[in-house]
Protein backbone atom coordinates (compact mmCIF):
# COMPACT_ATOMS: atom_id res chain seq x y z
CA MET A 1 20.97 -7.69 23.94
CA ASN A 2 21.83 -8.60 20.35
CA LEU A 3 19.00 -8.54 17.80
CA ILE A 4 18.94 -9.38 14.12
CA GLY A 5 17.76 -6.68 11.74
CA PHE A 6 18.07 -2.90 11.90
CA TYR A 7 16.25 -0.53 14.23
CA ASN A 8 17.55 2.94 13.41
CA TYR A 9 15.29 5.84 12.53
CA THR A 10 15.37 5.03 8.80
CA VAL A 11 13.00 2.08 9.24
CA ILE A 12 10.70 3.40 11.97
CA LEU A 13 8.06 4.70 9.55
CA THR A 14 8.07 1.39 7.70
CA TYR A 15 7.50 -0.51 10.93
CA LEU A 16 4.75 1.89 12.02
CA GLY A 17 2.95 1.45 8.72
CA ALA A 18 3.05 -2.35 9.04
CA ALA A 19 1.80 -2.16 12.65
CA ALA A 20 -1.09 0.06 11.58
CA ALA A 21 -1.94 -2.39 8.80
CA VAL A 22 -2.13 -5.29 11.25
CA CYS A 23 -4.53 -3.24 13.39
CA GLY A 24 -6.55 -2.47 10.26
CA ILE A 25 -6.79 -6.18 9.40
CA PHE A 26 -8.25 -6.99 12.82
CA PHE A 27 -10.61 -3.99 12.74
CA SER A 28 -11.91 -5.11 9.35
CA ALA A 29 -12.24 -8.77 10.32
CA GLU A 30 -14.30 -7.72 13.36
CA GLY A 31 -16.71 -5.75 11.16
CA TYR A 32 -15.20 -2.26 11.30
CA PRO A 33 -13.98 -1.62 7.74
CA PHE A 34 -14.04 2.14 8.34
CA TRP A 35 -11.11 1.83 10.74
CA GLY A 36 -9.43 -0.55 8.34
CA ILE A 37 -9.58 2.16 5.69
CA VAL A 38 -8.14 4.73 8.11
CA CYS A 39 -5.25 2.37 8.85
CA LEU A 40 -4.71 1.84 5.12
CA LEU A 41 -4.47 5.59 4.55
CA PHE A 42 -2.01 5.90 7.46
CA ALA A 43 0.13 3.09 6.05
CA GLY A 44 0.16 4.89 2.71
CA LEU A 45 1.30 8.09 4.39
CA THR A 46 4.18 6.38 6.18
CA ASP A 47 5.26 4.64 2.97
CA MET A 48 5.32 7.94 1.12
CA PHE A 49 7.98 9.36 3.42
CA ASP A 50 9.98 6.38 4.66
CA GLY A 51 12.29 6.46 1.64
CA LYS A 52 13.00 10.16 2.11
CA VAL A 53 13.76 9.62 5.77
CA ALA A 54 16.10 6.74 4.89
CA SER A 55 17.97 8.91 2.38
CA THR A 56 19.00 11.32 5.15
CA MET A 57 21.33 8.70 6.65
CA LYS A 58 24.49 7.29 5.12
CA ARG A 59 23.80 3.55 5.10
CA THR A 60 25.94 0.50 4.47
CA GLU A 61 25.17 -1.77 1.51
CA GLU A 62 23.67 -4.26 3.95
CA GLU A 63 21.38 -1.60 5.40
CA LYS A 64 20.27 -0.56 1.91
CA ALA A 65 19.52 -4.16 0.94
CA PHE A 66 17.62 -4.67 4.19
CA GLY A 67 15.63 -1.50 3.50
CA ILE A 68 14.51 -2.81 0.09
CA GLN A 69 13.42 -6.14 1.54
CA ILE A 70 11.69 -4.85 4.67
CA ASP A 71 9.82 -2.18 2.72
CA SER A 72 8.35 -4.75 0.34
CA LEU A 73 7.50 -7.21 3.11
CA CYS A 74 5.65 -4.50 5.01
CA ASP A 75 3.98 -3.33 1.80
CA LEU A 76 2.62 -6.83 1.30
CA ILE A 77 0.83 -6.60 4.65
CA SER A 78 -0.32 -2.99 4.24
CA PHE A 79 -1.35 -2.93 0.59
CA GLY A 80 -1.70 -6.63 -0.16
CA VAL A 81 -3.49 -8.23 2.80
CA LEU A 82 -5.25 -5.23 4.37
CA PRO A 83 -7.39 -4.32 1.30
CA LEU A 84 -8.63 -7.93 1.24
CA ALA A 85 -9.51 -7.81 4.94
CA ILE A 86 -11.42 -4.57 4.31
CA GLY A 87 -13.37 -6.30 1.54
CA TYR A 88 -14.26 -9.07 3.99
CA GLY A 89 -15.33 -6.43 6.51
CA LEU A 90 -17.62 -4.95 3.87
CA GLY A 91 -19.44 -8.26 3.72
CA LEU A 92 -17.84 -9.73 0.61
CA SER A 93 -17.65 -13.51 0.52
CA GLY A 94 -18.15 -16.46 -1.79
CA GLY A 95 -16.16 -17.96 -4.62
CA PHE A 96 -15.89 -14.82 -6.75
CA PHE A 97 -14.46 -12.88 -3.82
CA TYR A 98 -12.06 -15.64 -2.86
CA VAL A 99 -10.72 -15.83 -6.41
CA SER A 100 -10.32 -12.03 -6.51
CA CYS A 101 -8.39 -12.20 -3.20
CA ALA A 102 -6.07 -14.91 -4.49
CA ALA A 103 -5.48 -13.06 -7.78
CA TYR A 104 -4.89 -9.72 -6.04
CA LEU A 105 -2.48 -11.09 -3.46
CA LEU A 106 -0.54 -13.18 -5.99
CA CYS A 107 -0.12 -10.20 -8.33
CA ALA A 108 0.99 -8.03 -5.41
CA ILE A 109 3.59 -10.63 -4.40
CA ILE A 110 4.90 -10.92 -7.97
CA ARG A 111 5.13 -7.16 -8.37
CA LEU A 112 6.94 -6.65 -5.07
CA ALA A 113 9.41 -9.45 -5.77
CA TYR A 114 10.09 -8.02 -9.24
CA PHE A 115 10.61 -4.58 -7.76
CA ASN A 116 13.12 -5.92 -5.23
CA VAL A 117 15.21 -7.52 -7.97
CA ASP A 118 14.93 -4.50 -10.25
CA GLU A 119 15.79 -2.02 -7.50
CA ALA A 120 18.80 -4.04 -6.34
CA ASN A 121 20.11 -4.12 -9.91
CA ARG A 122 19.41 -0.41 -10.38
CA GLN A 123 21.36 0.55 -7.28
CA LYS A 124 24.39 -1.33 -8.60
CA SER A 125 24.50 0.80 -11.75
CA GLU A 126 23.15 4.19 -10.68
CA ASN A 127 22.76 6.39 -7.63
CA GLY A 128 19.90 8.61 -6.54
CA ARG A 129 16.17 8.11 -6.53
CA ARG A 130 14.21 5.99 -8.94
CA LYS A 131 12.45 8.05 -11.62
CA THR A 132 10.03 5.50 -13.07
CA TYR A 133 8.09 2.43 -12.02
CA TYR A 134 7.07 -0.57 -14.09
CA GLY A 135 3.47 -1.45 -13.42
CA LEU A 136 1.20 0.09 -10.83
CA PRO A 137 2.90 0.34 -7.40
CA VAL A 138 1.12 -1.66 -4.72
CA THR A 139 1.07 1.49 -2.59
CA SER A 140 -1.59 2.88 -4.93
CA ALA A 141 -4.03 0.72 -2.95
CA ALA A 142 -3.78 3.33 -0.20
CA LEU A 143 -5.71 5.77 -2.41
CA ILE A 144 -7.83 3.56 -4.67
CA PHE A 145 -9.73 1.52 -2.10
CA PRO A 146 -10.32 4.35 0.39
CA LEU A 147 -11.72 6.39 -2.51
CA ILE A 148 -14.19 3.62 -3.38
CA PHE A 149 -15.18 3.37 0.29
CA GLY A 150 -15.55 7.14 0.53
CA LEU A 151 -17.99 7.11 -2.39
CA LYS A 152 -20.30 4.59 -0.75
CA SER A 153 -23.06 7.19 -0.35
CA LEU A 154 -22.98 7.75 -4.10
CA LEU A 155 -22.49 4.10 -5.04
CA GLY A 156 -25.01 2.73 -2.56
CA VAL A 157 -25.38 -1.04 -2.39
CA ALA A 158 -23.14 -1.38 -5.44
CA MET A 159 -20.07 -0.18 -3.50
CA PRO A 160 -18.94 -3.64 -2.25
CA VAL A 161 -19.37 -5.07 -5.76
CA ILE A 162 -17.32 -2.25 -7.28
CA TYR A 163 -14.71 -2.79 -4.56
CA GLN A 164 -14.47 -6.44 -5.57
CA ILE A 165 -14.20 -5.65 -9.28
CA ALA A 166 -11.48 -3.11 -8.43
CA LEU A 167 -9.47 -5.91 -6.82
CA TYR A 168 -9.24 -7.62 -10.22
CA GLY A 169 -8.42 -4.40 -12.07
CA VAL A 170 -5.74 -3.29 -9.62
CA ALA A 171 -4.25 -6.79 -9.57
CA ALA A 172 -3.85 -6.73 -13.35
CA ALA A 173 -2.29 -3.26 -13.20
CA PHE A 174 0.31 -4.53 -10.71
CA ILE A 175 1.85 -6.89 -13.26
CA LEU A 176 1.21 -5.10 -16.56
CA LYS A 177 4.57 -3.79 -17.74
CA PHE A 178 4.06 -0.10 -18.44
CA LYS A 179 6.15 2.85 -17.36
CA LEU A 180 4.79 5.14 -14.69
CA PRO A 181 6.70 8.23 -13.53
CA LYS A 182 7.55 8.26 -9.85
CA PRO A 183 6.17 11.37 -8.10
CA ASP A 184 8.79 14.08 -7.74
CA LYS A 185 9.07 16.87 -5.16
CA LYS A 186 6.02 18.57 -6.64
CA GLY A 187 4.02 15.39 -7.01
CA ILE A 188 4.35 14.23 -3.40
CA PRO A 189 2.55 17.25 -1.86
CA ALA A 190 -0.19 16.75 -4.44
CA LEU A 191 -0.59 13.11 -3.37
CA VAL A 192 -0.73 14.19 0.28
CA VAL A 193 -3.52 16.66 -0.53
CA ILE A 194 -5.38 13.95 -2.47
CA GLY A 195 -4.96 11.57 0.46
CA LEU A 196 -6.30 14.15 2.91
CA ALA A 197 -9.27 14.84 0.64
CA ILE A 198 -10.02 11.12 0.48
CA LEU A 199 -9.70 10.90 4.28
CA VAL A 200 -12.30 13.66 4.67
CA LEU A 201 -14.55 11.81 2.21
CA VAL A 202 -14.11 8.59 4.18
CA ILE A 203 -14.92 10.31 7.49
CA VAL A 204 -18.02 11.95 6.05
CA SER A 205 -19.17 8.61 4.60
CA GLY A 206 -18.44 6.87 7.89
CA LEU A 207 -20.64 9.30 9.80
CA LYS A 208 -23.66 8.57 7.60
């Protein structure tokens, strides 16, 4: 059977992250934002390593271009749509929330599209891994919003409001043009430890 697209091991993590995000969206919409947060953290973990997995295989130019596009499309679901669904699951609604959702998603789309163009141009002129980002990567949502959720015991009833305000702040950071170093071999383990610490915080908060 002939299928369009690519299905080798270099894209499996990307697909798993997107599938988890879809589950998280439905969990959140049905009133279980805790599980939405867990899915968001899982999507962040898969995104952290999918590029490294892809680099272990010698790919054609078409496969590389597909990898750029599919990664951003999946990121839009995982780190663009899912955080908004979690906000809805937390009980946020009304005009202010709807505007924050529109602003957040639009900025995420713009940033991902810009990254696709920039990365395609970069790969034409240089080899190896990217060393810097422009603007805040959308994948940062995998740490920022779970952290806010994990602090709900400390923040109390203000947590959903802070979550909503964070949507505006993160959205702005997506499109502000500032350089941000990409985590290196030492930085990635540190991010994993931070992610695990946030997961523990989320679980503890979810049990209360």
